[in-house]
Structure formats: C-alpha cells, structure tokens
Protein backbone atom coordinates (compact mmCIF):
# COMPACT_ATOMS: atom_id res chain seq x y z
CA MET A 1 0.00 0.00 0.00
CA GLU A 2 1.35 3.43 -0.99
CA ASN A 3 2.25 5.72 1.89
CA LYS A 4 -0.06 8.64 2.60
CA LYS A 5 0.97 12.12 1.50
CA ILE A 6 1.69 14.83 4.06
CA LEU A 7 2.13 18.46 3.11
CA ILE A 8 4.28 20.20 5.73
CA VAL A 9 3.86 23.96 5.76
CA THR A 10 6.02 25.99 8.11
CA ARG A 11 7.66 29.36 8.49
CA ASN A 12 10.16 27.89 10.95
CA PHE A 13 12.74 25.69 9.25
CA PRO A 14 16.43 25.88 8.38
CA PRO A 15 18.19 27.94 7.12
CA LEU A 16 16.43 29.96 9.84
CA ILE A 17 17.98 29.30 13.23
CA GLY A 18 16.25 28.62 16.53
CA GLY A 19 14.45 26.09 18.68
CA MET A 20 11.29 26.07 16.56
CA GLU A 21 13.36 25.57 13.42
CA LYS A 22 15.16 22.64 15.01
CA LEU A 23 11.83 21.18 16.12
CA ASN A 24 10.27 21.41 12.65
CA PHE A 25 13.34 19.88 11.04
CA ASN A 26 13.01 16.91 13.38
CA ILE A 27 9.26 16.68 12.72
CA PHE A 28 10.15 16.39 9.03
CA GLN A 29 12.86 13.80 9.74
CA SER A 30 10.47 11.75 11.84
CA ILE A 31 7.45 11.56 9.55
CA LYS A 32 9.32 11.14 6.28
CA LYS A 33 10.05 7.56 7.36
CA ASN A 34 6.37 6.66 7.13
CA PHE A 35 4.81 9.19 4.74
CA ASN A 36 5.46 10.80 1.37
CA ILE A 37 6.36 14.41 2.13
CA ILE A 38 5.53 17.55 0.17
CA PHE A 39 7.01 20.72 1.61
CA ALA A 40 6.16 24.42 1.81
CA GLY A 41 8.77 26.40 3.71
CA PRO A 42 11.10 29.41 3.81
CA VAL A 43 13.50 30.31 1.02
CA GLY A 44 16.53 28.03 1.24
CA SER A 45 14.72 25.20 3.04
CA SER A 46 15.09 22.86 0.06
CA SER A 47 18.81 22.59 0.81
CA PHE A 48 17.87 20.98 4.12
CA HIS A 49 14.91 18.75 3.27
CA GLY A 50 16.15 17.64 -0.17
CA LEU A 51 12.69 16.86 -1.54
CA GLU A 52 11.60 17.03 -5.16
CA LYS A 53 8.11 18.37 -4.46
CA TYR A 54 8.24 21.68 -2.63
CA VAL A 55 7.59 25.42 -2.72
CA GLU A 56 9.43 28.21 -0.95
CA PHE A 57 8.38 31.65 0.24
CA SER A 58 9.91 34.71 1.90
CA VAL A 59 9.45 35.11 5.65
CA ARG A 60 9.90 38.88 5.67
CA PRO A 61 8.11 41.23 5.62
CA LEU A 62 5.18 39.61 7.40
CA TRP A 63 2.53 40.64 4.84
CA LYS A 64 4.59 39.11 2.05
CA TYR A 65 5.01 35.88 4.00
CA ILE A 66 1.26 35.59 4.61
CA ILE A 67 0.30 36.17 0.98
CA HIS A 68 3.08 34.15 -0.65
CA SER A 69 2.83 31.20 1.74
CA LEU A 70 -0.93 31.04 1.21
CA LEU A 71 -0.82 31.20 -2.59
CA LYS A 72 2.17 28.90 -3.09
CA THR A 73 0.96 26.32 -0.58
CA LEU A 74 -2.51 26.32 -2.14
CA LEU A 75 -1.06 25.66 -5.60
CA ILE A 76 1.03 22.69 -4.52
CA ALA A 77 -1.89 21.31 -2.47
CA ILE A 78 -4.17 21.47 -5.52
CA LYS A 79 -1.52 19.74 -7.63
CA GLU A 80 -0.41 17.04 -5.18
CA LYS A 81 -3.64 16.45 -3.21
CA PRO A 82 -2.10 15.54 0.17
CA ASP A 83 -3.97 13.37 2.68
CA ILE A 84 -2.76 15.46 5.62
CA VAL A 85 -1.61 19.07 5.95
CA PHE A 86 0.77 19.62 8.87
CA CYS A 87 1.32 23.19 10.13
CA GLY A 88 4.61 23.68 11.98
CA SER A 89 3.16 26.50 14.10
CA GLY A 90 0.11 28.72 14.41
CA THR A 91 1.59 31.22 11.96
CA SER A 92 1.23 28.62 9.18
CA ILE A 93 -2.47 27.94 9.76
CA LEU A 94 -3.80 30.32 7.10
CA ALA A 95 -1.94 28.51 4.32
CA GLY A 96 -2.47 25.16 6.00
CA TYR A 97 -6.21 25.43 6.57
CA PHE A 98 -7.17 26.47 3.05
CA SER A 99 -4.78 23.95 1.53
CA ALA A 100 -6.39 21.22 3.59
CA ARG A 101 -9.82 22.36 2.44
CA VAL A 102 -9.02 22.31 -1.27
CA ALA A 103 -7.28 18.93 -0.96
CA LYS A 104 -9.99 17.52 1.36
CA ALA A 105 -7.17 16.60 3.73
CA SER A 106 -6.93 16.28 7.51
CA LEU A 107 -5.44 19.31 9.25
CA VAL A 108 -2.74 19.01 11.93
CA CYS A 109 -1.08 21.88 13.78
CA TYR A 110 1.78 22.05 16.29
CA LEU A 111 1.22 24.90 18.76
CA HIS A 112 3.66 26.82 20.93
CA GLY A 113 2.60 29.09 23.76
CA LEU A 114 3.03 32.26 21.72
CA ASP A 115 0.80 30.77 19.00
CA ILE A 116 -2.09 31.11 21.44
CA VAL A 117 -1.37 34.31 23.38
CA ALA A 118 0.04 36.42 20.52
CA ASP A 119 -0.86 40.07 21.10
CA SER A 120 -2.38 40.75 17.69
CA LYS A 121 -6.03 41.41 16.91
CA ILE A 122 -5.58 40.17 13.34
CA TYR A 123 -4.07 36.93 14.62
CA ARG A 124 -6.85 36.44 17.15
CA TRP A 125 -9.58 37.22 14.63
CA PHE A 126 -8.30 35.19 11.67
CA PHE A 127 -5.68 32.68 12.79
CA LEU A 128 -7.03 31.31 16.09
CA PRO A 129 -10.47 30.41 14.66
CA LEU A 130 -8.74 28.39 11.91
CA ILE A 131 -6.49 26.67 14.45
CA LYS A 132 -9.63 25.53 16.29
CA LYS A 133 -10.79 23.75 13.11
CA SER A 134 -7.75 21.42 13.15
CA ASP A 135 -8.39 17.70 13.36
CA LEU A 136 -5.33 17.17 15.55
CA ILE A 137 -3.37 19.71 17.58
CA PHE A 138 -0.01 19.09 19.22
CA VAL A 139 1.11 21.35 22.07
CA ASN A 140 4.62 21.56 23.45
CA SER A 141 3.87 21.53 27.19
CA ASN A 142 1.21 21.26 29.88
CA HIS A 143 1.26 25.04 30.13
CA THR A 144 0.49 25.42 26.42
CA TYR A 145 -2.26 22.80 26.82
CA LYS A 146 -3.92 24.97 29.49
CA LEU A 147 -3.57 28.05 27.29
CA ALA A 148 -5.21 26.16 24.42
CA ILE A 149 -8.15 25.09 26.59
CA THR A 150 -8.58 28.65 27.85
CA ALA A 151 -8.60 29.85 24.24
CA GLY A 152 -11.52 27.54 23.48
CA ILE A 153 -9.73 24.74 21.64
CA ASP A 154 -11.46 21.36 21.94
CA SER A 155 -9.46 19.24 24.40
CA SER A 156 -10.30 16.03 22.52
CA CYS A 157 -8.18 17.26 19.60
CA ILE A 158 -5.12 18.15 21.70
CA ARG A 159 -2.08 15.96 22.36
CA ILE A 160 0.91 17.03 24.46
CA LEU A 161 4.11 16.26 22.55
CA TYR A 162 7.29 17.64 24.12
CA PRO A 163 10.05 18.73 21.74
CA GLY A 164 13.02 16.38 21.71
CA THR A 165 16.79 16.54 21.83
CA GLU A 166 19.89 14.77 20.55
CA LEU A 167 21.58 12.54 23.11
CA PRO A 168 25.30 13.28 22.75
CA ASP A 169 28.14 10.93 23.58
CA ILE A 170 29.14 11.97 27.11
CA SER A 171 32.58 10.42 26.57
CA ASN A 172 33.31 13.41 24.27
CA LYS A 173 32.87 15.84 27.17
CA VAL A 174 36.57 16.58 27.80
CA ILE A 175 37.62 16.97 24.16
CA ALA A 176 34.56 19.03 23.18
CA SER A 177 35.04 21.27 26.23
CA GLN A 178 38.69 21.88 25.40
CA ARG A 179 37.88 22.72 21.78
CA PHE A 180 35.29 25.25 22.87
CA ARG A 181 37.61 26.89 25.38
CA LEU A 182 40.46 27.06 22.88
CA ARG A 183 38.26 28.51 20.13
CA TYR A 184 37.08 31.40 22.31
CA ASP A 185 40.25 31.84 24.36
CA ILE A 186 38.48 31.09 27.62
CA GLY A 187 41.33 29.12 29.11
CA GLU A 188 40.41 27.29 32.29
CA SER A 189 38.05 29.98 33.55
CA PRO A 190 34.79 28.52 34.91
CA PHE A 191 31.62 29.93 33.38
CA ILE A 192 27.85 29.81 33.55
CA LEU A 193 25.96 29.81 30.28
CA ILE A 194 22.93 31.46 28.68
CA ALA A 195 21.97 30.11 25.25
CA GLY A 196 19.17 30.75 22.78
CA ARG A 197 17.47 33.59 21.00
CA ILE A 198 18.10 36.97 22.57
CA THR A 199 14.69 38.49 23.25
CA ALA A 200 13.28 40.70 25.99
CA ARG A 201 11.39 37.69 27.42
CA LYS A 202 14.64 35.85 28.12
CA GLY A 203 15.50 38.30 30.91
CA ILE A 204 19.22 38.47 30.18
CA THR A 205 19.67 42.17 30.93
CA GLU A 206 17.78 41.79 34.21
CA PHE A 207 19.92 38.78 35.19
CA ILE A 208 23.13 40.69 34.53
CA THR A 209 21.86 43.66 36.52
CA ASN A 210 20.42 41.78 39.50
CA VAL A 211 22.65 38.73 39.82
CA MET A 212 26.05 39.10 38.17
CA PRO A 213 27.51 41.83 40.45
CA GLY A 214 27.01 39.62 43.51
CA ILE A 215 28.32 36.53 41.71
CA VAL A 216 31.47 38.34 40.58
CA GLU A 217 32.03 39.84 44.01
CA THR A 218 32.01 36.36 45.56
CA HIS A 219 33.73 34.56 42.67
CA PRO A 220 35.64 37.03 40.46
CA GLU A 221 36.89 34.12 38.34
CA LEU A 222 33.38 33.07 37.26
CA GLN A 223 32.26 34.24 33.83
CA LEU A 224 28.92 34.44 32.05
CA ILE A 225 28.96 33.30 28.41
CA ILE A 226 25.97 34.30 26.25
CA ILE A 227 25.38 32.36 23.03
CA GLY A 228 22.74 33.52 20.56
CA ASP A 229 21.52 36.61 18.79
CA GLU A 230 18.37 38.63 18.29
CA ALA A 231 15.54 36.87 16.48
CA ARG A 232 15.47 38.98 13.32
CA ASP A 233 13.32 36.48 11.43
CA ALA A 234 10.81 35.92 14.23
CA VAL A 235 7.22 37.12 13.93
CA LYS A 236 7.47 38.76 17.35
CA GLN A 237 10.70 40.74 17.31
CA SER A 238 12.38 42.61 20.15
CA LEU A 239 15.37 44.22 18.50
CA GLY A 240 17.59 46.37 20.65
CA VAL A 241 17.80 43.84 23.49
CA LYS A 242 21.43 43.09 22.66
CA ASP A 243 22.27 46.80 22.95
CA ASN A 244 20.63 46.85 26.38
CA ILE A 245 22.73 43.87 27.44
CA VAL A 246 25.95 45.55 26.33
CA ALA A 247 24.92 48.77 28.10
CA ALA A 248 24.30 46.86 31.34
CA ILE A 249 27.69 45.13 31.06
CA ASN A 250 29.48 48.45 30.58
CA LYS A 251 27.52 50.25 33.29
CA LEU A 252 28.39 47.57 35.87
CA ASP A 253 31.99 47.22 34.65
CA LEU A 254 31.51 43.51 33.89
CA SER A 255 33.27 43.35 30.52
CA ASN A 256 35.88 40.95 31.94
CA ASN A 257 33.20 38.59 33.23
CA VAL A 258 30.46 38.64 30.57
CA LYS A 259 31.05 37.63 26.94
CA LEU A 260 28.61 37.57 24.03
CA LEU A 261 29.61 35.03 21.39
CA GLY A 262 26.72 35.48 18.96
CA LEU A 263 25.30 32.62 16.91
CA VAL A 264 27.20 29.34 16.84
CA ASP A 265 26.65 25.98 15.16
CA ASN A 266 25.43 22.87 16.97
CA ALA A 267 28.92 21.43 17.49
CA ILE A 268 30.14 24.59 19.21
CA LEU A 269 26.99 24.83 21.32
CA SER A 270 27.50 21.21 22.37
CA GLY A 271 31.04 22.07 23.47
CA ALA A 272 29.69 24.99 25.48
CA PHE A 273 27.17 22.72 27.23
CA PHE A 274 29.97 20.31 28.12
CA ALA A 275 32.29 23.07 29.37
CA ALA A 276 29.86 25.15 31.43
CA GLU A 277 29.16 24.91 35.15
CA MET A 278 25.40 25.33 34.67
CA LEU A 279 22.85 26.81 32.28
CA ILE A 280 20.94 29.91 33.36
CA PHE A 281 17.38 30.46 32.11
CA PRO A 282 16.17 33.72 33.71
CA VAL A 283 12.96 33.99 31.67
CA LEU A 284 10.54 36.76 32.59
CA ASN A 285 6.81 36.36 33.14
CA VAL A 286 5.60 38.64 30.33
CA VAL A 287 1.98 39.23 29.37
CA ASN A 288 1.19 38.02 25.82
CA ASP A 289 4.69 36.55 25.43
CA VAL A 290 5.26 33.14 26.95
CA GLU A 291 8.04 30.56 27.16
CA GLY A 292 6.03 27.57 25.98
CA PHE A 293 8.55 24.89 26.91
CA GLY A 294 12.30 25.42 27.22
CA MET A 295 14.13 23.16 24.77
CA VAL A 296 17.53 24.56 25.71
CA ALA A 297 17.16 23.12 29.23
CA ILE A 298 16.57 19.64 27.77
CA GLU A 299 19.58 20.01 25.46
CA ALA A 300 21.69 21.05 28.44
CA ALA A 301 20.49 18.10 30.53
CA ALA A 302 21.40 15.70 27.70
CA HIS A 303 24.98 16.98 28.10
CA GLY A 304 24.86 16.45 31.86
CA LEU A 305 24.49 20.20 32.48
CA PRO A 306 21.91 21.36 35.06
CA THR A 307 19.76 24.47 34.59
CA VAL A 308 18.79 27.21 37.02
CA ALA A 309 15.54 28.76 35.77
CA PHE A 310 12.62 30.88 36.77
CA ASN A 311 9.49 28.73 36.94
CA VAL A 312 7.38 30.45 34.29
CA GLY A 313 5.40 29.20 31.30
CA GLY A 314 6.15 25.63 30.31
CA ILE A 315 9.64 25.53 31.80
CA SER A 316 8.57 23.19 34.61
CA ASP A 317 8.04 20.48 31.93
CA ALA A 318 11.62 20.91 30.73
CA ILE A 319 13.30 20.83 34.16
CA SER A 320 12.87 18.36 36.97
CA ASN A 321 13.44 20.34 40.15
CA ASN A 322 16.39 19.02 42.19
CA TYR A 323 17.06 16.37 39.52
CA SER A 324 17.97 18.07 36.23
CA GLY A 325 18.23 21.54 37.73
CA TRP A 326 16.46 24.02 39.95
CA LEU A 327 13.20 25.92 39.49
CA VAL A 328 13.12 29.36 41.09
CA GLU A 329 10.12 31.53 41.92
CA SER A 330 9.58 34.02 39.10
CA GLY A 331 11.61 37.19 39.64
CA ASN A 332 13.30 35.97 42.82
CA TYR A 333 16.87 36.98 41.92
CA TYR A 334 18.06 36.50 45.49
CA GLN A 335 17.06 32.83 45.43
CA MET A 336 18.56 32.39 41.96
CA SER A 337 21.85 33.88 43.14
CA HIS A 338 21.85 31.63 46.19
CA ILE A 339 21.30 28.47 44.13
CA ILE A 340 24.00 29.40 41.62
CA LEU A 341 26.54 30.03 44.37
CA GLU A 342 25.58 26.85 46.23
CA ALA A 343 25.73 24.68 43.09
CA TYR A 344 29.06 26.21 42.05
CA SER A 345 30.61 25.51 45.44
CA PRO A 346 33.18 22.67 45.49
CA SER A 347 31.39 21.32 48.57
CA TYR A 348 28.04 20.91 46.75
CA SER A 349 26.71 17.41 47.34
CA GLY A 350 23.05 17.74 46.33
CA PRO A 351 20.93 15.42 44.20
CA VAL A 352 21.56 17.21 40.88
CA THR A 353 24.40 15.45 39.08
CA LEU A 354 25.63 14.83 35.55
CA LYS A 355 24.03 11.39 35.72
CA SER A 356 20.65 12.65 36.95
CA CYS A 357 20.55 15.28 34.19
CA VAL A 358 21.29 12.74 31.46
CA GLU A 359 18.72 10.29 32.84
CA PHE A 360 16.04 12.97 32.82
CA SER A 361 16.84 13.93 29.23
CA LYS A 362 16.43 10.40 27.85
CA GLN A 363 12.64 10.66 27.86
CA PHE A 364 12.99 13.54 25.37
CA SER A 365 15.05 11.79 22.71
CA TRP A 366 14.08 12.56 19.11
CA ASP A 367 13.51 8.83 18.54
CA PHE A 368 10.90 8.76 21.29
CA PHE A 369 9.38 11.99 19.94
CA GLY A 370 9.20 10.52 16.43
CA THR A 371 7.51 7.33 17.58
CA LYS A 372 4.75 9.23 19.40
CA LEU A 373 4.32 11.70 16.53
CA ASN A 374 3.88 8.95 13.94
CA ASP A 375 1.52 6.99 16.17
CA TYR A 376 -0.74 10.01 16.66
CA ILE A 377 -0.83 10.76 12.94
CA LYS A 378 -1.54 7.12 12.03
CA ASN A 379 -4.39 7.04 14.56
CA LEU A 380 -5.82 10.18 12.95
CA GLN A 381 -5.86 8.49 9.58
CA GLU A 382 -7.54 5.39 10.96
CA LYS A 383 -10.52 7.34 12.31
C-alpha cells in the first residue's frame, strides 16, 4: 500500500535558526520515514529537506510571507492532493487550513505558547479560529495545553508532545570542552551559560543587573557566556535587546566577566554545554509573550548540564526540580543567586548530578518523539 501524503507547511525551518526551526526539522525527519512528504517552507529550506516536491516563500516582511505562503501552498496542495496538511506553528495555519480544504485533507497543527497568546487582533480574529478547526493539535507543554483550553480549543483534539533533543556521547565531554575553550580563548576559567534567541522575554539584561555583580564579588573568576543573537526572522521581534545587554555590562563594569559570542553551530553549542558549570534560564513572566517549553534546558540536561531557571510558562516540563536543575520563583533573583553560588561551590553534594541530568533527558530523545508523533498521525488516519 502506498504511503499517505503529508504536506508540511512551516515558516520555521532551516536555514532559519532557533528552537522552533530545530523542532520542525526533526518533525520532518520523523514523519518522512512513514509518509510521502511535500514541503512548503522558507527560502533556502530545500537545501535541508532535499525533496523534489516543494515550494518556498519569503518570511519577511510579514505581509509578504502571509500572501506568498498562502498562494504557493494552495497551488502545490491542488496539484499534489495531500492526505494530511501539517502546520509547523500557528503562523502557518492560514496557508495550512485552506490547503487542507481544497485537498480535502486532515489538518494538523503544532502549537507553541506564543501561538495562542500572541498580542495581535488580526491573529486572534483570523488565525485562532482556523487553528480551532484542526483535526489534531499538538502542544509543546502542559502550560500550552492549558492556554489552548482557555482559548476555546477542543481538548479532545489536543495531544501534548514535548520537543526532543539529541543525546550526545558523554565520553566526548573533555575533548569538546577543550575545543570550545580554545576557540574562544576562555582558558580554564569557569563559566555559567545562557543560550538561545536573545529576546526581551529571556530576561538576560535583568539577570546581569540583578545577579552578576554579587556573583562576581564572591567569585571574580566566574564568567557568564551568552550564546545567541536577536531573532530577526521571528514574527514577534524585540530588537535592541542586545544593545541593552551591552549597556548593562558596561555600566556595571563587567566586561571581563560577561562575553557575548553570537550565533554558533550545533557542534560549538555542544562544546559549550559540556564546558559550562550550569545553564541559566532567567525567563521573565511577560503578558502576551510566553516561554512555551524550554528546549535549551533539555539540550543542556542531555549533556549532563543542570539548569537554574525561573518557573514560568512551560519551563517546569523541561526541568525536573532538584534532579535536572532548579526551578526558582519568578523574579526571585536573590534565590537564583543563592542556588548558583551553592551549586558552584566545590562542597556541593546535592541530588543534581551529571548522571541525573542525562537520565532525565532520555525521555525527550528525538527517537521517542518521532515514535509518538507517527503513532498520533496514524491514529488520525484510521478514524
């Protein structure tokens, strides 16, 4: 029997960089094993999916993305007649919904927290109602599930499917750490790490202002390494955050202790995870802008690296408190500082270890993610 056709439509896919892009790439990798894939994605995505049947569209400006993604996805849906249309996020639902209608296909959508709480009247008026018409909706955390229910989405259509992670070879820890340190001339200096897109929600400026002076006063040798850059291709942009970070560093005279490395590839990021003392995730509790899950904390745990994070949004699904890291009351910088200093201490003997972090991460492997994803889609087709 010939495999069913799935049309994947997504704004978030390589060559764009970020957690959602990594997630959608792995969604593609997972379902292509069991289905014939047609693809509608950003310009340059064909170099990463390697399919023969695809269309591409610009992601900027937003109006151009909406029009071009809709028209181009509709045309390939009419031509190829997929059995299922899979939207990689809520921003793809306009193209996905109408393509599913013309092809008489089932509609599937993967939702992130911001897909539900986006502060846009146009989005709420036109996109959310179409999302509610999906036959199957994946959400990335329990928090996003609750947001979806509050928004009026039928709970019978929703499945929680946590994003996954690669499980690296821990035996490479020493070599990968040394390569990272050598590349960025860090030497043997210990450092804590912040990694991911630089947005206002991530709370990096506030962490530097409220926590780093006390950390440096107690441990002048301890550095903060920041990996990532502003999300220039994101729908919700917050440009200027990097300038605020640099201003805070200069104002507090922390240039010797805080370094911004910009964007790096996966191999370099892996080396940073192996070399760091802990990951810091000081996310803010912002209205209409939510951290739906926290993939970076899972990636860190897979490397044996614990995370100290504010307990907001869906982060509690990505961190097991006192097992893969520590969850801190939102905005409690004193408690965050205390935990960092305690965990950094040579005398620390608590329950969070390299082994406990790795064990926690195993339930988020991409293989496990792919198995559940394919099972849910197959069950949809059998109905």
